[in-house]
């Protein structure tokens, strides 16, 4: 696996020089031999589908101060279909929208239950930022935010470790779905972890280079200080998701964006799409950052095609609640 990742990452754009492959991978390294320490907090059934409330451990190392006292414990839902498998599996990463009741592992729970009726196992982990004890740092150019992003991707990879450790999971049919903050995390994953055969990226930031051309970025750059921001971005050039989505192959990428999104409009989405590796598809919806029911239908159809499972009943898919879009917070003066 490490050899395959090295071969992919060695092809990254020259902007990453003089870092070599091992240095790149080191930014995302974690102790793969550490025990998962899976614990069960509860169990319930919905529509004949079993939902386990579990947690698993994820190494934090020197990132512990940034991710809080519980950063290494990942609360998750594990949604199991009936039968023995081996099942295709999906890891779902929820959005981080302030004011949303679904800013947690519950965002995709209804969708995962519908997929379970088609024989799909799902893992729905909480994001680092919703762990108990986490204190958010919104300071511009904060290295703590870098640590949080790295930890989140490690947590998601630990989720993949959990899946492949199960005898009822087909390790060759694993996909990732990420929304907003977790869509960006999926962008990094696509170039780092080759265990995923498909990605759905929902309204996520995928490229610093694309963002730099936007009016919003230029205004922010002037506000915080051009020299300071340029130096910070140069130091953390490896944190540009665009350098990873361009080497997601052979995984298939499906990008979903909304027209009524104040940060990632259709033009920006199309520029993201240009740098994503093949095979890929893009669809832009008449929708806010939360997207809509049409996006849900398309996402499930894409997963069914890529993971080779039967498309769920149309009425069941239509019954998945549409995610509510809270008002965007006003930017700080």
C-alpha atoms as a PDB file:
ATOM      1  CA  UNK A   1       0.000   0.000   0.000  1.00  0.00           C
ATOM      2  CA  UNK A   2       2.781   2.448   0.908  1.00  0.00           C
ATOM      3  CA  UNK A   3       4.516   1.720  -2.404  1.00  0.00           C
ATOM      4  CA  UNK A   4       1.315   2.476  -4.327  1.00  0.00           C
ATOM      5  CA  UNK A   5       0.832   5.746  -2.457  1.00  0.00           C
ATOM      6  CA  UNK A   6       4.435   6.728  -3.095  1.00  0.00           C
ATOM      7  CA  UNK A   7       4.073   6.067  -6.801  1.00  0.00           C
ATOM      8  CA  UNK A   8       1.009   8.298  -6.900  1.00  0.00           C
ATOM      9  CA  UNK A   9       2.393  11.086  -4.753  1.00  0.00           C
ATOM     10  CA  UNK A  10       5.712  11.227  -6.572  1.00  0.00           C
ATOM     11  CA  UNK A  11       3.714  12.477  -9.552  1.00  0.00           C
ATOM     12  CA  UNK A  12       2.455  15.527  -7.643  1.00  0.00           C
ATOM     13  CA  UNK A  13       3.080  18.973  -9.168  1.00  0.00           C
ATOM     14  CA  UNK A  14       6.544  20.438  -8.819  1.00  0.00           C
ATOM     15  CA  UNK A  15       5.217  23.069  -6.420  1.00  0.00           C
ATOM     16  CA  UNK A  16       5.756  20.442  -3.695  1.00  0.00           C
ATOM     17  CA  UNK A  17       9.530  20.287  -4.248  1.00  0.00           C
ATOM     18  CA  UNK A  18      11.867  19.720  -2.496  1.00  0.00           C
ATOM     19  CA  UNK A  19       9.726  17.371  -0.399  1.00  0.00           C
ATOM     20  CA  UNK A  20       9.960  13.733  -1.437  1.00  0.00           C
ATOM     21  CA  UNK A  21       7.332  11.034  -1.186  1.00  0.00           C
ATOM     22  CA  UNK A  22       8.221   9.885   2.311  1.00  0.00           C
ATOM     23  CA  UNK A  23       8.109  13.445   3.621  1.00  0.00           C
ATOM     24  CA  UNK A  24       4.679  13.957   2.091  1.00  0.00           C
ATOM     25  CA  UNK A  25       3.302  10.772   3.592  1.00  0.00           C
ATOM     26  CA  UNK A  26       4.820  11.625   6.952  1.00  0.00           C
ATOM     27  CA  UNK A  27       2.398  14.535   7.333  1.00  0.00           C
ATOM     28  CA  UNK A  28      -0.447  12.009   7.370  1.00  0.00           C
ATOM     29  CA  UNK A  29       1.327   9.190   9.179  1.00  0.00           C
ATOM     30  CA  UNK A  30      -0.191   7.371  12.127  1.00  0.00           C
ATOM     31  CA  UNK A  31       0.423   4.188  14.056  1.00  0.00           C
ATOM     32  CA  UNK A  32      -1.464   1.584  12.034  1.00  0.00           C
ATOM     33  CA  UNK A  33      -0.619  -1.070  14.612  1.00  0.00           C
ATOM     34  CA  UNK A  34      -2.356   0.770  17.455  1.00  0.00           C
ATOM     35  CA  UNK A  35      -5.403  -1.140  18.748  1.00  0.00           C
ATOM     36  CA  UNK A  36      -8.783   0.113  17.537  1.00  0.00           C
ATOM     37  CA  UNK A  37     -10.189  -0.433  21.021  1.00  0.00           C
ATOM     38  CA  UNK A  38     -13.757  -0.644  19.705  1.00  0.00           C
ATOM     39  CA  UNK A  39     -16.372  -0.055  22.373  1.00  0.00           C
ATOM     40  CA  UNK A  40     -20.152  -0.329  22.133  1.00  0.00           C
ATOM     41  CA  UNK A  41     -22.308   2.237  23.907  1.00  0.00           C
ATOM     42  CA  UNK A  42     -25.704   1.161  22.617  1.00  0.00           C
ATOM     43  CA  UNK A  43     -27.706  -0.631  19.965  1.00  0.00           C
ATOM     44  CA  UNK A  44     -31.036   0.045  18.265  1.00  0.00           C
ATOM     45  CA  UNK A  45     -33.082  -1.188  15.347  1.00  0.00           C
ATOM     46  CA  UNK A  46     -34.858   0.891  12.726  1.00  0.00           C
ATOM     47  CA  UNK A  47     -36.851  -0.629   9.906  1.00  0.00           C
ATOM     48  CA  UNK A  48     -35.199  -3.970  10.586  1.00  0.00           C
ATOM     49  CA  UNK A  49     -31.697  -2.484  10.372  1.00  0.00           C
ATOM     50  CA  UNK A  50     -29.278  -2.665  13.299  1.00  0.00           C
ATOM     51  CA  UNK A  51     -27.490   0.529  14.362  1.00  0.00           C
ATOM     52  CA  UNK A  52     -24.578   0.245  16.750  1.00  0.00           C
ATOM     53  CA  UNK A  53     -23.415   3.253  18.772  1.00  0.00           C
ATOM     54  CA  UNK A  54     -19.684   2.637  18.963  1.00  0.00           C
ATOM     55  CA  UNK A  55     -16.367   4.372  19.428  1.00  0.00           C
ATOM     56  CA  UNK A  56     -12.872   3.503  18.258  1.00  0.00           C
ATOM     57  CA  UNK A  57      -9.426   4.851  19.066  1.00  0.00           C
ATOM     58  CA  UNK A  58      -7.290   6.997  16.782  1.00  0.00           C
ATOM     59  CA  UNK A  59      -3.665   7.995  17.505  1.00  0.00           C
ATOM     60  CA  UNK A  60      -3.155  11.708  18.179  1.00  0.00           C
ATOM     61  CA  UNK A  61       0.511  12.013  19.137  1.00  0.00           C
ATOM     62  CA  UNK A  62       1.677  15.624  19.309  1.00  0.00           C
ATOM     63  CA  UNK A  63      -1.678  16.821  17.946  1.00  0.00           C
ATOM     64  CA  UNK A  64      -3.464  16.170  21.251  1.00  0.00           C
ATOM     65  CA  UNK A  65      -3.455  19.802  22.374  1.00  0.00           C
ATOM     66  CA  UNK A  66      -5.149  20.944  19.170  1.00  0.00           C
ATOM     67  CA  UNK A  67      -7.819  18.255  19.021  1.00  0.00           C
ATOM     68  CA  UNK A  68      -8.821  18.316  22.688  1.00  0.00           C
ATOM     69  CA  UNK A  69      -8.897  15.681  25.414  1.00  0.00           C
ATOM     70  CA  UNK A  70     -11.165  13.345  23.443  1.00  0.00           C
ATOM     71  CA  UNK A  71      -9.572  13.764  20.046  1.00  0.00           C
ATOM     72  CA  UNK A  72      -8.394  10.176  19.961  1.00  0.00           C
ATOM     73  CA  UNK A  73     -11.813   8.661  20.619  1.00  0.00           C
ATOM     74  CA  UNK A  74     -14.090   8.650  17.581  1.00  0.00           C
ATOM     75  CA  UNK A  75     -17.802   8.261  18.313  1.00  0.00           C
ATOM     76  CA  UNK A  76     -19.575   6.623  15.375  1.00  0.00           C
ATOM     77  CA  UNK A  77     -22.656   4.848  14.159  1.00  0.00           C
ATOM     78  CA  UNK A  78     -22.132   1.466  12.544  1.00  0.00           C
ATOM     79  CA  UNK A  79     -25.131   0.573  10.388  1.00  0.00           C
ATOM     80  CA  UNK A  80     -25.374  -3.134   9.575  1.00  0.00           C
ATOM     81  CA  UNK A  81     -27.530  -4.728   6.884  1.00  0.00           C
ATOM     82  CA  UNK A  82     -29.129  -8.118   7.357  1.00  0.00           C
ATOM     83  CA  UNK A  83     -27.098 -11.148   6.283  1.00  0.00           C
ATOM     84  CA  UNK A  84     -23.484 -12.234   6.566  1.00  0.00           C
ATOM     85  CA  UNK A  85     -21.814 -10.303   3.756  1.00  0.00           C
ATOM     86  CA  UNK A  86     -19.260  -9.571   2.600  1.00  0.00           C
ATOM     87  CA  UNK A  87     -20.919  -6.180   2.152  1.00  0.00           C
ATOM     88  CA  UNK A  88     -19.833  -3.078   0.269  1.00  0.00           C
ATOM     89  CA  UNK A  89     -19.169  -0.282   2.757  1.00  0.00           C
ATOM     90  CA  UNK A  90     -19.389   3.511   2.927  1.00  0.00           C
ATOM     91  CA  UNK A  91     -17.775   5.930   5.360  1.00  0.00           C
ATOM     92  CA  UNK A  92     -19.912   9.057   5.712  1.00  0.00           C
ATOM     93  CA  UNK A  93     -18.377  12.377   6.830  1.00  0.00           C
ATOM     94  CA  UNK A  94     -20.907  14.976   8.019  1.00  0.00           C
ATOM     95  CA  UNK A  95     -20.773  18.738   7.472  1.00  0.00           C
ATOM     96  CA  UNK A  96     -19.597  21.308  10.059  1.00  0.00           C
ATOM     97  CA  UNK A  97     -22.290  23.924   9.423  1.00  0.00           C
ATOM     98  CA  UNK A  98     -22.810  26.194  12.470  1.00  0.00           C
ATOM     99  CA  UNK A  99     -26.372  26.099  13.726  1.00  0.00           C
ATOM    100  CA  UNK A 100     -27.209  22.764  12.127  1.00  0.00           C
ATOM    101  CA  UNK A 101     -28.769  20.011  14.239  1.00  0.00           C
ATOM    102  CA  UNK A 102     -27.018  17.609  11.884  1.00  0.00           C
ATOM    103  CA  UNK A 103     -23.508  18.883  12.553  1.00  0.00           C
ATOM    104  CA  UNK A 104     -22.671  15.389  13.738  1.00  0.00           C
ATOM    105  CA  UNK A 105     -22.697  11.730  12.735  1.00  0.00           C
ATOM    106  CA  UNK A 106     -26.483  11.854  12.412  1.00  0.00           C
ATOM    107  CA  UNK A 107     -26.450  13.782   9.121  1.00  0.00           C
ATOM    108  CA  UNK A 108     -26.388  10.673   6.929  1.00  0.00           C
ATOM    109  CA  UNK A 109     -28.029   8.177   9.271  1.00  0.00           C
ATOM    110  CA  UNK A 110     -31.320   8.019   7.336  1.00  0.00           C
ATOM    111  CA  UNK A 111     -29.410   7.560   4.090  1.00  0.00           C
ATOM    112  CA  UNK A 112     -27.273   4.790   5.599  1.00  0.00           C
ATOM    113  CA  UNK A 113     -30.388   2.939   6.764  1.00  0.00           C
ATOM    114  CA  UNK A 114     -31.841   3.061   3.251  1.00  0.00           C
ATOM    115  CA  UNK A 115     -28.569   1.721   1.836  1.00  0.00           C
ATOM    116  CA  UNK A 116     -28.535  -1.045   4.437  1.00  0.00           C
ATOM    117  CA  UNK A 117     -31.701  -2.445   2.865  1.00  0.00           C
ATOM    118  CA  UNK A 118     -29.602  -2.856  -0.298  1.00  0.00           C
ATOM    119  CA  UNK A 119     -26.894  -4.684   1.613  1.00  0.00           C
ATOM    120  CA  UNK A 120     -24.516  -1.784   2.321  1.00  0.00           C
ATOM    121  CA  UNK A 121     -22.663  -1.402   5.620  1.00  0.00           C
ATOM    122  CA  UNK A 122     -21.993   2.193   6.727  1.00  0.00           C
ATOM    123  CA  UNK A 123     -19.720   3.855   9.260  1.00  0.00           C
ATOM    124  CA  UNK A 124     -20.683   7.383  10.365  1.00  0.00           C
ATOM    125  CA  UNK A 125     -17.994   8.988  12.564  1.00  0.00           C
ATOM    126  CA  UNK A 126     -18.160  12.323  14.356  1.00  0.00           C
ATOM    127  CA  UNK A 127     -15.809  15.056  13.167  1.00  0.00           C
ATOM    128  CA  UNK A 128     -12.982  16.109  15.496  1.00  0.00           C
ATOM    129  CA  UNK A 129     -14.675  19.461  16.095  1.00  0.00           C
ATOM    130  CA  UNK A 130     -17.773  17.935  17.700  1.00  0.00           C
ATOM    131  CA  UNK A 131     -15.887  15.735  20.149  1.00  0.00           C
ATOM    132  CA  UNK A 132     -16.530  16.562  23.831  1.00  0.00           C
ATOM    133  CA  UNK A 133     -13.931  18.971  25.142  1.00  0.00           C
ATOM    134  CA  UNK A 134     -12.932  20.378  21.763  1.00  0.00           C
ATOM    135  CA  UNK A 135     -12.324  24.145  21.749  1.00  0.00           C
ATOM    136  CA  UNK A 136     -12.516  25.767  18.332  1.00  0.00           C
ATOM    137  CA  UNK A 137      -9.761  28.132  17.263  1.00  0.00           C
ATOM    138  CA  UNK A 138     -10.861  30.577  14.556  1.00  0.00           C
ATOM    139  CA  UNK A 139      -7.677  32.631  14.660  1.00  0.00           C
ATOM    140  CA  UNK A 140      -6.480  33.401  11.124  1.00  0.00           C
ATOM    141  CA  UNK A 141      -3.513  31.260  10.063  1.00  0.00           C
ATOM    142  CA  UNK A 142      -3.768  29.003  13.097  1.00  0.00           C
ATOM    143  CA  UNK A 143      -1.581  25.910  13.073  1.00  0.00           C
ATOM    144  CA  UNK A 144      -4.141  24.287  15.363  1.00  0.00           C
ATOM    145  CA  UNK A 145      -6.556  24.238  12.422  1.00  0.00           C
ATOM    146  CA  UNK A 146      -3.931  22.361  10.413  1.00  0.00           C
ATOM    147  CA  UNK A 147      -3.608  19.826  13.225  1.00  0.00           C
ATOM    148  CA  UNK A 148      -7.375  19.357  13.331  1.00  0.00           C
ATOM    149  CA  UNK A 149      -7.539  18.640   9.588  1.00  0.00           C
ATOM    150  CA  UNK A 150      -4.710  16.131   9.806  1.00  0.00           C
ATOM    151  CA  UNK A 151      -6.339  14.439  12.782  1.00  0.00           C
ATOM    152  CA  UNK A 152      -9.682  14.249  10.999  1.00  0.00           C
ATOM    153  CA  UNK A 153      -8.144  12.476   8.026  1.00  0.00           C
ATOM    154  CA  UNK A 154      -6.328  10.086  10.325  1.00  0.00           C
ATOM    155  CA  UNK A 155      -9.623   9.379  12.107  1.00  0.00           C
ATOM    156  CA  UNK A 156     -11.277   8.600   8.772  1.00  0.00           C
ATOM    157  CA  UNK A 157      -8.424   6.304   7.803  1.00  0.00           C
ATOM    158  CA  UNK A 158      -8.821   4.564  11.152  1.00  0.00           C
ATOM    159  CA  UNK A 159     -12.439   4.105  10.156  1.00  0.00           C
ATOM    160  CA  UNK A 160     -11.185   2.341   7.038  1.00  0.00           C
ATOM    161  CA  UNK A 161      -8.919   0.234   9.263  1.00  0.00           C
ATOM    162  CA  UNK A 162     -12.005  -0.748  11.230  1.00  0.00           C
ATOM    163  CA  UNK A 163     -13.918  -1.705   8.088  1.00  0.00           C
ATOM    164  CA  UNK A 164     -11.203  -3.852   6.543  1.00  0.00           C
ATOM    165  CA  UNK A 165     -10.743  -5.647   9.866  1.00  0.00           C
ATOM    166  CA  UNK A 166     -14.317  -6.957   9.604  1.00  0.00           C
ATOM    167  CA  UNK A 167     -14.994 -10.251   7.858  1.00  0.00           C
ATOM    168  CA  UNK A 168     -18.403  -8.970   6.713  1.00  0.00           C
ATOM    169  CA  UNK A 169     -16.875  -6.111   4.658  1.00  0.00           C
ATOM    170  CA  UNK A 170     -15.612  -6.481   1.093  1.00  0.00           C
ATOM    171  CA  UNK A 171     -12.300  -4.540   1.191  1.00  0.00           C
ATOM    172  CA  UNK A 172     -12.458  -3.973  -2.559  1.00  0.00           C
ATOM    173  CA  UNK A 173     -15.795  -2.145  -2.357  1.00  0.00           C
ATOM    174  CA  UNK A 174     -15.315   0.758   0.040  1.00  0.00           C
ATOM    175  CA  UNK A 175     -16.429   4.327  -0.730  1.00  0.00           C
ATOM    176  CA  UNK A 176     -16.304   7.665   1.042  1.00  0.00           C
ATOM    177  CA  UNK A 177     -18.963  10.389   1.131  1.00  0.00           C
ATOM    178  CA  UNK A 178     -18.034  13.751   2.654  1.00  0.00           C
ATOM    179  CA  UNK A 179     -19.963  16.996   3.004  1.00  0.00           C
ATOM    180  CA  UNK A 180     -18.427  20.469   3.407  1.00  0.00           C
ATOM    181  CA  UNK A 181     -15.544  20.178   5.944  1.00  0.00           C
ATOM    182  CA  UNK A 182     -15.521  16.426   5.450  1.00  0.00           C
ATOM    183  CA  UNK A 183     -15.641  16.853   1.675  1.00  0.00           C
ATOM    184  CA  UNK A 184     -12.288  18.623   1.914  1.00  0.00           C
ATOM    185  CA  UNK A 185     -11.068  15.784   4.134  1.00  0.00           C
ATOM    186  CA  UNK A 186     -12.155  13.425   1.370  1.00  0.00           C
ATOM    187  CA  UNK A 187     -10.089  15.408  -1.090  1.00  0.00           C
ATOM    188  CA  UNK A 188      -6.971  14.653   0.929  1.00  0.00           C
ATOM    189  CA  UNK A 189      -7.990  11.024   1.415  1.00  0.00           C
ATOM    190  CA  UNK A 190      -8.391  10.537  -2.326  1.00  0.00           C
ATOM    191  CA  UNK A 191      -4.670  11.006  -2.921  1.00  0.00           C
ATOM    192  CA  UNK A 192      -3.400   9.407   0.276  1.00  0.00           C
ATOM    193  CA  UNK A 193      -5.426   6.269   0.941  1.00  0.00           C
ATOM    194  CA  UNK A 194      -5.989   3.905  -1.977  1.00  0.00           C
ATOM    195  CA  UNK A 195      -8.393   1.598  -0.152  1.00  0.00           C
ATOM    196  CA  UNK A 196     -11.338   3.721  -1.327  1.00  0.00           C
ATOM    197  CA  UNK A 197     -12.689   2.944  -4.785  1.00  0.00           C
ATOM    198  CA  UNK A 198     -15.080   5.902  -4.983  1.00  0.00           C
ATOM    199  CA  UNK A 199     -15.561   9.346  -3.448  1.00  0.00           C
ATOM    200  CA  UNK A 200     -18.543  11.694  -3.299  1.00  0.00           C
ATOM    201  CA  UNK A 201     -17.407  15.252  -2.584  1.00  0.00           C
ATOM    202  CA  UNK A 202     -20.313  17.467  -1.482  1.00  0.00           C
ATOM    203  CA  UNK A 203     -19.733  21.242  -1.509  1.00  0.00           C
ATOM    204  CA  UNK A 204     -16.148  21.038  -0.308  1.00  0.00           C
ATOM    205  CA  UNK A 205     -13.093  23.242  -0.793  1.00  0.00           C
ATOM    206  CA  UNK A 206     -10.709  21.315  -3.047  1.00  0.00           C
ATOM    207  CA  UNK A 207      -7.917  23.644  -4.126  1.00  0.00           C
ATOM    208  CA  UNK A 208      -5.949  26.551  -2.684  1.00  0.00           C
ATOM    209  CA  UNK A 209      -4.783  27.479  -6.164  1.00  0.00           C
ATOM    210  CA  UNK A 210      -8.366  27.761  -7.412  1.00  0.00           C
ATOM    211  CA  UNK A 211      -9.404  29.681  -4.304  1.00  0.00           C
ATOM    212  CA  UNK A 212      -6.625  32.226  -4.798  1.00  0.00           C
ATOM    213  CA  UNK A 213      -8.339  33.469  -7.950  1.00  0.00           C
ATOM    214  CA  UNK A 214     -11.580  34.296  -6.129  1.00  0.00           C
ATOM    215  CA  UNK A 215     -12.584  37.749  -4.938  1.00  0.00           C
ATOM    216  CA  UNK A 216     -13.345  36.347  -1.486  1.00  0.00           C
ATOM    217  CA  UNK A 217      -9.798  35.062  -1.087  1.00  0.00           C
ATOM    218  CA  UNK A 218      -8.227  38.297  -2.279  1.00  0.00           C
ATOM    219  CA  UNK A 219     -10.303  40.295   0.197  1.00  0.00           C
ATOM    220  CA  UNK A 220      -9.324  37.937   3.007  1.00  0.00           C
ATOM    221  CA  UNK A 221      -5.652  38.138   1.989  1.00  0.00           C
ATOM    222  CA  UNK A 222      -5.689  41.922   2.256  1.00  0.00           C
ATOM    223  CA  UNK A 223      -7.502  41.767   5.585  1.00  0.00           C
ATOM    224  CA  UNK A 224      -5.061  39.434   7.347  1.00  0.00           C
ATOM    225  CA  UNK A 225      -1.924  40.687   5.604  1.00  0.00           C
ATOM    226  CA  UNK A 226      -0.669  39.458   2.213  1.00  0.00           C
ATOM    227  CA  UNK A 227       2.868  38.655   3.331  1.00  0.00           C
ATOM    228  CA  UNK A 228       1.750  36.751   6.428  1.00  0.00           C
ATOM    229  CA  UNK A 229      -0.829  34.715   4.540  1.00  0.00           C
ATOM    230  CA  UNK A 230       1.542  33.940   1.670  1.00  0.00           C
ATOM    231  CA  UNK A 231       4.202  32.746   4.115  1.00  0.00           C
ATOM    232  CA  UNK A 232       1.692  30.592   5.981  1.00  0.00           C
ATOM    233  CA  UNK A 233       0.390  28.988   2.802  1.00  0.00           C
ATOM    234  CA  UNK A 234       3.918  28.362   1.580  1.00  0.00           C
ATOM    235  CA  UNK A 235       4.824  26.641   4.843  1.00  0.00           C
ATOM    236  CA  UNK A 236       1.767  24.408   4.593  1.00  0.00           C
ATOM    237  CA  UNK A 237       1.738  23.922   0.824  1.00  0.00           C
ATOM    238  CA  UNK A 238       1.181  20.205   1.427  1.00  0.00           C
ATOM    239  CA  UNK A 239      -2.239  21.114   2.881  1.00  0.00           C
ATOM    240  CA  UNK A 240      -3.641  22.026  -0.542  1.00  0.00           C
ATOM    241  CA  UNK A 241      -6.275  19.371  -1.322  1.00  0.00           C
ATOM    242  CA  UNK A 242      -5.811  20.078  -5.023  1.00  0.00           C
ATOM    243  CA  UNK A 243      -2.473  18.315  -4.908  1.00  0.00           C
ATOM    244  CA  UNK A 244      -4.280  15.138  -3.860  1.00  0.00           C
ATOM    245  CA  UNK A 245      -7.544  15.093  -5.830  1.00  0.00           C
ATOM    246  CA  UNK A 246      -5.473  15.307  -8.994  1.00  0.00           C
ATOM    247  CA  UNK A 247      -4.156  11.837  -8.133  1.00  0.00           C
ATOM    248  CA  UNK A 248      -7.309  10.153  -6.835  1.00  0.00           C
ATOM    249  CA  UNK A 249      -7.264   7.574  -9.656  1.00  0.00           C
ATOM    250  CA  UNK A 250      -8.134   4.792  -9.930  1.00  0.00           C
ATOM    251  CA  UNK A 251     -10.909   5.871  -7.517  1.00  0.00           C
ATOM    252  CA  UNK A 252     -13.938   7.490  -9.161  1.00  0.00           C
ATOM    253  CA  UNK A 253     -14.849  11.019  -8.038  1.00  0.00           C
ATOM    254  CA  UNK A 254     -18.344  12.544  -8.002  1.00  0.00           C
ATOM    255  CA  UNK A 255     -18.469  16.267  -7.161  1.00  0.00           C
ATOM    256  CA  UNK A 256     -21.767  17.826  -6.015  1.00  0.00           C
ATOM    257  CA  UNK A 257     -22.179  21.593  -5.577  1.00  0.00           C
ATOM    258  CA  UNK A 258     -25.045  24.065  -5.192  1.00  0.00           C
ATOM    259  CA  UNK A 259     -25.783  27.317  -7.014  1.00  0.00           C
ATOM    260  CA  UNK A 260     -26.867  29.109  -3.822  1.00  0.00           C
ATOM    261  CA  UNK A 261     -23.585  28.735  -1.972  1.00  0.00           C
ATOM    262  CA  UNK A 262     -21.798  31.934  -0.889  1.00  0.00           C
ATOM    263  CA  UNK A 263     -18.349  30.324  -0.870  1.00  0.00           C
ATOM    264  CA  UNK A 264     -18.251  27.733  -3.644  1.00  0.00           C
ATOM    265  CA  UNK A 265     -20.260  28.811  -6.664  1.00  0.00           C
ATOM    266  CA  UNK A 266     -20.661  26.990  -9.947  1.00  0.00           C
ATOM    267  CA  UNK A 267     -17.587  28.602 -11.533  1.00  0.00           C
ATOM    268  CA  UNK A 268     -15.385  27.577  -8.624  1.00  0.00           C
ATOM    269  CA  UNK A 269     -16.816  24.056  -8.690  1.00  0.00           C
ATOM    270  CA  UNK A 270     -16.019  23.746 -12.392  1.00  0.00           C
ATOM    271  CA  UNK A 271     -12.424  24.797 -11.762  1.00  0.00           C
ATOM    272  CA  UNK A 272     -12.132  22.223  -8.987  1.00  0.00           C
ATOM    273  CA  UNK A 273     -13.462  19.646 -11.408  1.00  0.00           C
ATOM    274  CA  UNK A 274     -10.743  20.445 -13.930  1.00  0.00           C
ATOM    275  CA  UNK A 275      -7.980  19.329 -11.579  1.00  0.00           C
ATOM    276  CA  UNK A 276      -9.661  16.127 -10.353  1.00  0.00           C
ATOM    277  CA  UNK A 277      -8.338  12.938 -11.927  1.00  0.00           C
ATOM    278  CA  UNK A 278     -10.437  10.627 -14.102  1.00  0.00           C
ATOM    279  CA  UNK A 279     -12.850   8.899 -13.761  1.00  0.00           C
ATOM    280  CA  UNK A 280     -14.941  11.815 -12.523  1.00  0.00           C
ATOM    281  CA  UNK A 281     -18.280  13.557 -12.789  1.00  0.00           C
ATOM    282  CA  UNK A 282     -19.696  16.892 -11.644  1.00  0.00           C
ATOM    283  CA  UNK A 283     -23.246  18.030 -11.056  1.00  0.00           C
ATOM    284  CA  UNK A 284     -24.371  21.453  -9.902  1.00  0.00           C
ATOM    285  CA  UNK A 285     -27.773  21.711  -8.231  1.00  0.00           C
ATOM    286  CA  UNK A 286     -30.228  24.548  -7.752  1.00  0.00           C
ATOM    287  CA  UNK A 287     -29.605  24.321  -4.032  1.00  0.00           C
ATOM    288  CA  UNK A 288     -27.776  25.835  -1.038  1.00  0.00           C
ATOM    289  CA  UNK A 289     -24.698  24.435   0.686  1.00  0.00           C
ATOM    290  CA  UNK A 290     -26.933  21.712   2.174  1.00  0.00           C
ATOM    291  CA  UNK A 291     -27.749  20.494  -1.363  1.00  0.00           C
ATOM    292  CA  UNK A 292     -31.102  18.788  -1.956  1.00  0.00           C
ATOM    293  CA  UNK A 293     -33.104  15.619  -2.592  1.00  0.00           C
ATOM    294  CA  UNK A 294     -31.927  15.398  -6.200  1.00  0.00           C
ATOM    295  CA  UNK A 295     -28.333  15.317  -4.989  1.00  0.00           C
ATOM    296  CA  UNK A 296     -29.246  12.510  -2.599  1.00  0.00           C
ATOM    297  CA  UNK A 297     -30.766  10.455  -5.427  1.00  0.00           C
ATOM    298  CA  UNK A 298     -27.753  11.019  -7.661  1.00  0.00           C
ATOM    299  CA  UNK A 299     -25.311  10.205  -4.870  1.00  0.00           C
ATOM    300  CA  UNK A 300     -27.009   6.903  -4.085  1.00  0.00           C
ATOM    301  CA  UNK A 301     -27.162   5.975  -7.772  1.00  0.00           C
ATOM    302  CA  UNK A 302     -23.434   6.700  -8.122  1.00  0.00           C
ATOM    303  CA  UNK A 303     -22.589   4.571  -5.088  1.00  0.00           C
ATOM    304  CA  UNK A 304     -24.786   1.733  -6.356  1.00  0.00           C
ATOM    305  CA  UNK A 305     -22.991   1.766  -9.697  1.00  0.00           C
ATOM    306  CA  UNK A 306     -19.489   1.932  -8.239  1.00  0.00           C
ATOM    307  CA  UNK A 307     -19.996  -0.495  -5.352  1.00  0.00           C
ATOM    308  CA  UNK A 308     -22.198  -2.858  -7.369  1.00  0.00           C
ATOM    309  CA  UNK A 309     -25.298  -3.016  -5.196  1.00  0.00           C
ATOM    310  CA  UNK A 310     -28.975  -2.797  -6.061  1.00  0.00           C
ATOM    311  CA  UNK A 311     -30.340   0.756  -6.193  1.00  0.00           C
ATOM    312  CA  UNK A 312     -32.725   1.187  -3.241  1.00  0.00           C
ATOM    313  CA  UNK A 313     -36.468   1.535  -3.665  1.00  0.00           C
ATOM    314  CA  UNK A 314     -37.306   4.988  -5.092  1.00  0.00           C
ATOM    315  CA  UNK A 315     -39.916   5.631  -2.389  1.00  0.00           C
ATOM    316  CA  UNK A 316     -37.373   4.853   0.324  1.00  0.00           C
ATOM    317  CA  UNK A 317     -34.845   7.241  -1.216  1.00  0.00           C
ATOM    318  CA  UNK A 318     -37.522   9.946  -1.519  1.00  0.00           C
ATOM    319  CA  UNK A 319     -38.272   9.464   2.169  1.00  0.00           C
ATOM    320  CA  UNK A 320     -34.784  10.547   3.240  1.00  0.00           C
ATOM    321  CA  UNK A 321     -35.267  13.946   4.952  1.00  0.00           C
ATOM    322  CA  UNK A 322     -33.785  16.938   3.153  1.00  0.00           C
ATOM    323  CA  UNK A 323     -31.004  18.581   5.140  1.00  0.00           C
ATOM    324  CA  UNK A 324     -31.979  22.004   6.516  1.00  0.00           C
ATOM    325  CA  UNK A 325     -29.737  24.939   5.565  1.00  0.00           C
ATOM    326  CA  UNK A 326     -29.155  27.295   8.540  1.00  0.00           C
ATOM    327  CA  UNK A 327     -28.345  30.954   7.855  1.00  0.00           C
ATOM    328  CA  UNK A 328     -24.663  31.592   7.280  1.00  0.00           C
ATOM    329  CA  UNK A 329     -22.944  33.273  10.254  1.00  0.00           C
ATOM    330  CA  UNK A 330     -21.998  36.887   9.650  1.00  0.00           C
ATOM    331  CA  UNK A 331     -18.247  37.248   9.116  1.00  0.00           C
ATOM    332  CA  UNK A 332     -16.289  38.882  11.929  1.00  0.00           C
ATOM    333  CA  UNK A 333     -15.354  42.480  11.385  1.00  0.00           C
END
